[in-house]
Amino acid sequence: MSNVHLVGSRMLQCAEKTYMTHVYRYPKKNGGFIHTAETVLDSGDNIVSDGNTIEEALAKQRQILPLALFSRDVLRRTTTTMSRRPFSGKVS
């Protein structure tokens, strides 16, 4: 993928926070281009959306960002709650 080019960056706002999203373009094997929007949520935690245009990739990213943040919050709360419970040896 040496033909990947950064074509722009946008700030996306969600849940009172702002996230930097980079949009890349690379050629398709059958001609034309594919655009990829990548948002870094945390170190090693990225979400990626593809589209035929920059606008399509960003629209998908805007749509999926709230769900991505919610799922990570649920995971964080679940693992925090489970680590505080003493092990009883019983299965509920």
N, C-alpha and C. Protein backbone atom coordinates (compact mmCIF):
# COMPACT_ATOMS: atom_id res chain seq x y z
N MET A 1 0.83 -1.19 0.00
CA MET A 1 0.00 0.00 0.00
C MET A 1 0.87 1.25 0.00
N SER A 2 1.89 1.28 -0.83
CA SER A 2 2.77 2.43 -0.89
C SER A 2 2.10 3.62 -1.57
N ASN A 3 0.97 3.40 -2.22
CA ASN A 3 0.27 4.48 -2.91
C ASN A 3 -0.78 5.15 -2.04
N VAL A 4 -0.71 4.97 -0.74
CA VAL A 4 -1.67 5.59 0.17
C VAL A 4 -1.27 7.05 0.39
N HIS A 5 -2.26 7.93 0.27
CA HIS A 5 -1.99 9.36 0.45
C HIS A 5 -2.96 9.94 1.48
N LEU A 6 -2.43 10.73 2.40
CA LEU A 6 -3.28 11.48 3.33
C LEU A 6 -3.90 12.61 2.54
N VAL A 7 -5.23 12.65 2.49
CA VAL A 7 -5.91 13.69 1.71
C VAL A 7 -6.55 14.75 2.60
N GLY A 8 -6.57 14.53 3.90
CA GLY A 8 -7.12 15.55 4.79
C GLY A 8 -7.34 15.03 6.19
N SER A 9 -7.58 15.95 7.08
CA SER A 9 -7.88 15.64 8.48
C SER A 9 -9.07 16.47 8.91
N ARG A 10 -9.89 15.89 9.74
CA ARG A 10 -11.07 16.58 10.26
C ARG A 10 -11.17 16.32 11.75
N MET A 11 -11.76 17.25 12.46
CA MET A 11 -12.06 17.06 13.87
C MET A 11 -13.53 16.64 13.96
N LEU A 12 -13.78 15.49 14.57
CA LEU A 12 -15.15 15.01 14.79
C LEU A 12 -15.47 15.14 16.26
N GLN A 13 -16.62 15.70 16.56
CA GLN A 13 -17.02 15.88 17.95
C GLN A 13 -18.08 14.86 18.31
N CYS A 14 -17.91 14.26 19.49
CA CYS A 14 -18.86 13.28 19.98
C CYS A 14 -18.70 13.17 21.49
N ALA A 15 -19.80 13.14 22.19
CA ALA A 15 -19.80 12.97 23.65
C ALA A 15 -18.91 14.00 24.32
N GLU A 16 -19.05 15.25 23.90
CA GLU A 16 -18.34 16.38 24.48
C GLU A 16 -16.82 16.29 24.34
N LYS A 17 -16.35 15.44 23.43
CA LYS A 17 -14.93 15.35 23.14
C LYS A 17 -14.73 15.51 21.64
N THR A 18 -13.53 15.90 21.27
CA THR A 18 -13.20 16.06 19.87
C THR A 18 -12.11 15.06 19.50
N TYR A 19 -12.28 14.41 18.36
CA TYR A 19 -11.36 13.37 17.90
C TYR A 19 -10.81 13.73 16.53
N MET A 20 -9.51 13.57 16.36
CA MET A 20 -8.88 13.82 15.07
C MET A 20 -9.12 12.61 14.17
N THR A 21 -9.59 12.88 12.96
CA THR A 21 -9.84 11.84 11.98
C THR A 21 -9.03 12.17 10.73
N HIS A 22 -8.23 11.22 10.30
CA HIS A 22 -7.43 11.37 9.08
C HIS A 22 -8.11 10.60 7.96
N VAL A 23 -8.10 11.17 6.77
CA VAL A 23 -8.69 10.52 5.61
C VAL A 23 -7.58 10.24 4.60
N TYR A 24 -7.52 8.98 4.19
CA TYR A 24 -6.51 8.52 3.23
C TYR A 24 -7.19 8.07 1.95
N ARG A 25 -6.45 8.13 0.86
CA ARG A 25 -6.95 7.67 -0.43
C ARG A 25 -5.92 6.72 -1.03
N TYR A 26 -6.41 5.62 -1.57
CA TYR A 26 -5.51 4.72 -2.28
C TYR A 26 -6.25 4.10 -3.46
N PRO A 27 -5.49 3.72 -4.48
CA PRO A 27 -6.13 3.21 -5.69
C PRO A 27 -6.72 1.82 -5.50
N LYS A 28 -7.85 1.60 -6.17
CA LYS A 28 -8.44 0.26 -6.22
C LYS A 28 -7.74 -0.52 -7.33
N LYS A 29 -7.77 -1.83 -7.22
CA LYS A 29 -7.14 -2.67 -8.24
C LYS A 29 -7.84 -2.53 -9.60
N ASN A 30 -9.15 -2.30 -9.56
CA ASN A 30 -9.92 -2.20 -10.81
C ASN A 30 -10.13 -0.76 -11.28
N GLY A 31 -9.35 0.17 -10.72
CA GLY A 31 -9.47 1.58 -11.08
C GLY A 31 -10.26 2.37 -10.06
N GLY A 32 -10.11 3.64 -10.07
CA GLY A 32 -10.77 4.50 -9.10
C GLY A 32 -10.01 4.51 -7.78
N PHE A 33 -10.67 5.04 -6.76
CA PHE A 33 -10.03 5.16 -5.46
C PHE A 33 -10.96 4.71 -4.36
N ILE A 34 -10.38 4.31 -3.26
CA ILE A 34 -11.12 4.05 -2.03
C ILE A 34 -10.60 5.05 -0.99
N HIS A 35 -11.49 5.57 -0.19
CA HIS A 35 -11.12 6.52 0.86
C HIS A 35 -11.34 5.86 2.21
N THR A 36 -10.40 6.08 3.11
CA THR A 36 -10.46 5.48 4.44
C THR A 36 -10.34 6.58 5.49
N ALA A 37 -11.32 6.64 6.39
CA ALA A 37 -11.28 7.58 7.51
C ALA A 37 -10.85 6.80 8.75
N GLU A 38 -9.84 7.31 9.44
CA GLU A 38 -9.31 6.64 10.63
C GLU A 38 -9.33 7.61 11.80
N THR A 39 -9.96 7.20 12.89
CA THR A 39 -10.02 8.00 14.11
C THR A 39 -9.31 7.25 15.22
N VAL A 40 -8.37 7.92 15.86
CA VAL A 40 -7.64 7.32 16.97
C VAL A 40 -8.38 7.68 18.25
N LEU A 41 -8.85 6.64 18.96
CA LEU A 41 -9.54 6.85 20.23
C LEU A 41 -8.58 6.81 21.40
N ASP A 42 -7.60 5.92 21.30
CA ASP A 42 -6.60 5.75 22.35
C ASP A 42 -5.41 5.06 21.70
N SER A 43 -4.34 4.97 22.41
CA SER A 43 -3.16 4.31 21.87
C SER A 43 -3.51 2.87 21.48
N GLY A 44 -3.36 2.54 20.22
CA GLY A 44 -3.68 1.20 19.74
C GLY A 44 -5.15 0.94 19.53
N ASP A 45 -5.99 1.95 19.66
CA ASP A 45 -7.44 1.78 19.52
C ASP A 45 -7.96 2.75 18.46
N ASN A 46 -8.11 2.25 17.25
CA ASN A 46 -8.56 3.06 16.12
C ASN A 46 -9.87 2.50 15.57
N ILE A 47 -10.67 3.39 14.99
CA ILE A 47 -11.82 2.92 14.22
C ILE A 47 -11.62 3.40 12.78
N VAL A 48 -12.01 2.57 11.85
CA VAL A 48 -11.75 2.83 10.44
C VAL A 48 -13.03 2.60 9.64
N SER A 49 -13.31 3.52 8.71
CA SER A 49 -14.44 3.39 7.81
C SER A 49 -13.98 3.67 6.39
N ASP A 50 -14.49 2.90 5.45
CA ASP A 50 -14.15 3.09 4.04
C ASP A 50 -15.33 3.66 3.28
N GLY A 51 -15.02 4.37 2.20
CA GLY A 51 -16.06 4.89 1.32
C GLY A 51 -15.49 5.18 -0.05
N ASN A 52 -16.37 5.36 -1.02
CA ASN A 52 -15.93 5.70 -2.37
C ASN A 52 -15.50 7.15 -2.49
N THR A 53 -15.96 8.00 -1.56
CA THR A 53 -15.58 9.41 -1.55
C THR A 53 -15.16 9.78 -0.13
N ILE A 54 -14.50 10.92 -0.02
CA ILE A 54 -14.11 11.44 1.29
C ILE A 54 -15.35 11.63 2.15
N GLU A 55 -16.38 12.23 1.56
CA GLU A 55 -17.61 12.52 2.30
C GLU A 55 -18.28 11.24 2.81
N GLU A 56 -18.27 10.19 1.97
CA GLU A 56 -18.88 8.93 2.38
C GLU A 56 -18.12 8.30 3.54
N ALA A 57 -16.80 8.30 3.47
CA ALA A 57 -15.99 7.73 4.55
C ALA A 57 -16.20 8.51 5.85
N LEU A 58 -16.24 9.83 5.77
CA LEU A 58 -16.46 10.65 6.97
C LEU A 58 -17.87 10.48 7.53
N ALA A 59 -18.87 10.35 6.65
CA ALA A 59 -20.25 10.14 7.11
C ALA A 59 -20.35 8.83 7.88
N LYS A 60 -19.72 7.78 7.37
CA LYS A 60 -19.72 6.50 8.08
C LYS A 60 -19.02 6.63 9.42
N GLN A 61 -17.93 7.38 9.44
CA GLN A 61 -17.18 7.55 10.69
C GLN A 61 -18.01 8.31 11.72
N ARG A 62 -18.69 9.35 11.27
CA ARG A 62 -19.56 10.12 12.19
C ARG A 62 -20.67 9.23 12.76
N GLN A 63 -21.18 8.33 11.94
CA GLN A 63 -22.27 7.45 12.37
C GLN A 63 -21.78 6.40 13.36
N ILE A 64 -20.61 5.84 13.14
CA ILE A 64 -20.12 4.74 13.98
C ILE A 64 -19.41 5.23 15.25
N LEU A 65 -18.93 6.46 15.26
CA LEU A 65 -18.17 6.97 16.42
C LEU A 65 -18.95 6.88 17.73
N PRO A 66 -20.21 7.31 17.81
CA PRO A 66 -20.93 7.19 19.08
C PRO A 66 -21.05 5.73 19.56
N LEU A 67 -21.31 4.81 18.64
CA LEU A 67 -21.41 3.40 19.01
C LEU A 67 -20.06 2.86 19.50
N ALA A 68 -19.00 3.25 18.82
CA ALA A 68 -17.66 2.80 19.23
C ALA A 68 -17.33 3.31 20.64
N LEU A 69 -17.64 4.55 20.92
CA LEU A 69 -17.37 5.10 22.25
C LEU A 69 -18.24 4.44 23.31
N PHE A 70 -19.51 4.21 22.98
CA PHE A 70 -20.42 3.56 23.93
C PHE A 70 -19.95 2.15 24.25
N SER A 71 -19.56 1.38 23.24
CA SER A 71 -19.13 0.00 23.47
C SER A 71 -17.88 -0.05 24.34
N ARG A 72 -16.98 0.89 24.15
CA ARG A 72 -15.77 0.92 24.99
C ARG A 72 -16.11 1.32 26.42
N ASP A 73 -17.09 2.19 26.58
CA ASP A 73 -17.52 2.58 27.93
C ASP A 73 -18.18 1.40 28.64
N VAL A 74 -19.01 0.65 27.94
CA VAL A 74 -19.64 -0.54 28.52
C VAL A 74 -18.58 -1.55 28.94
N LEU A 75 -17.60 -1.79 28.08
CA LEU A 75 -16.52 -2.72 28.41
C LEU A 75 -15.76 -2.25 29.64
N ARG A 76 -15.44 -0.95 29.68
CA ARG A 76 -14.70 -0.41 30.83
C ARG A 76 -15.50 -0.57 32.12
N ARG A 77 -16.80 -0.24 32.08
CA ARG A 77 -17.62 -0.36 33.29
C ARG A 77 -17.79 -1.81 33.70
N THR A 78 -17.93 -2.72 32.74
CA THR A 78 -18.11 -4.14 33.03
C THR A 78 -16.86 -4.73 33.66
N THR A 79 -15.72 -4.44 33.09
CA THR A 79 -14.48 -4.99 33.62
C THR A 79 -14.14 -4.38 34.97
N THR A 80 -14.48 -3.12 35.18
CA THR A 80 -14.25 -2.48 36.48
C THR A 80 -15.14 -3.11 37.54
N THR A 81 -16.42 -3.33 37.22
CA THR A 81 -17.36 -3.93 38.16
C THR A 81 -16.96 -5.36 38.50
N MET A 82 -16.57 -6.11 37.49
CA MET A 82 -16.22 -7.51 37.71
C MET A 82 -14.94 -7.64 38.55
N SER A 83 -14.01 -6.73 38.39
CA SER A 83 -12.76 -6.84 39.14
C SER A 83 -12.96 -6.50 40.61
N ARG A 84 -14.06 -5.79 40.95
CA ARG A 84 -14.33 -5.45 42.35
C ARG A 84 -15.08 -6.54 43.09
N ARG A 85 -15.72 -7.46 42.37
CA ARG A 85 -16.50 -8.53 43.01
C ARG A 85 -15.58 -9.62 43.55
N PRO A 86 -15.83 -10.06 44.78
CA PRO A 86 -15.05 -11.19 45.28
C PRO A 86 -15.49 -12.48 44.60
N PHE A 87 -14.57 -13.38 44.40
CA PHE A 87 -14.89 -14.65 43.77
C PHE A 87 -15.58 -15.55 44.78
N SER A 88 -16.78 -16.03 44.42
CA SER A 88 -17.56 -16.86 45.34
C SER A 88 -17.46 -18.35 45.01
N GLY A 89 -17.01 -18.65 43.81
CA GLY A 89 -16.95 -20.05 43.38
C GLY A 89 -18.26 -20.55 42.84
N LYS A 90 -19.33 -19.76 42.92
CA LYS A 90 -20.64 -20.16 42.42
C LYS A 90 -20.87 -19.56 41.05
N VAL A 91 -21.57 -20.30 40.22
CA VAL A 91 -21.96 -19.80 38.91
C VAL A 91 -23.41 -19.38 38.99
N SER A 92 -23.73 -18.16 38.58
CA SER A 92 -25.12 -17.69 38.64
C SER A 92 -25.85 -18.01 37.40
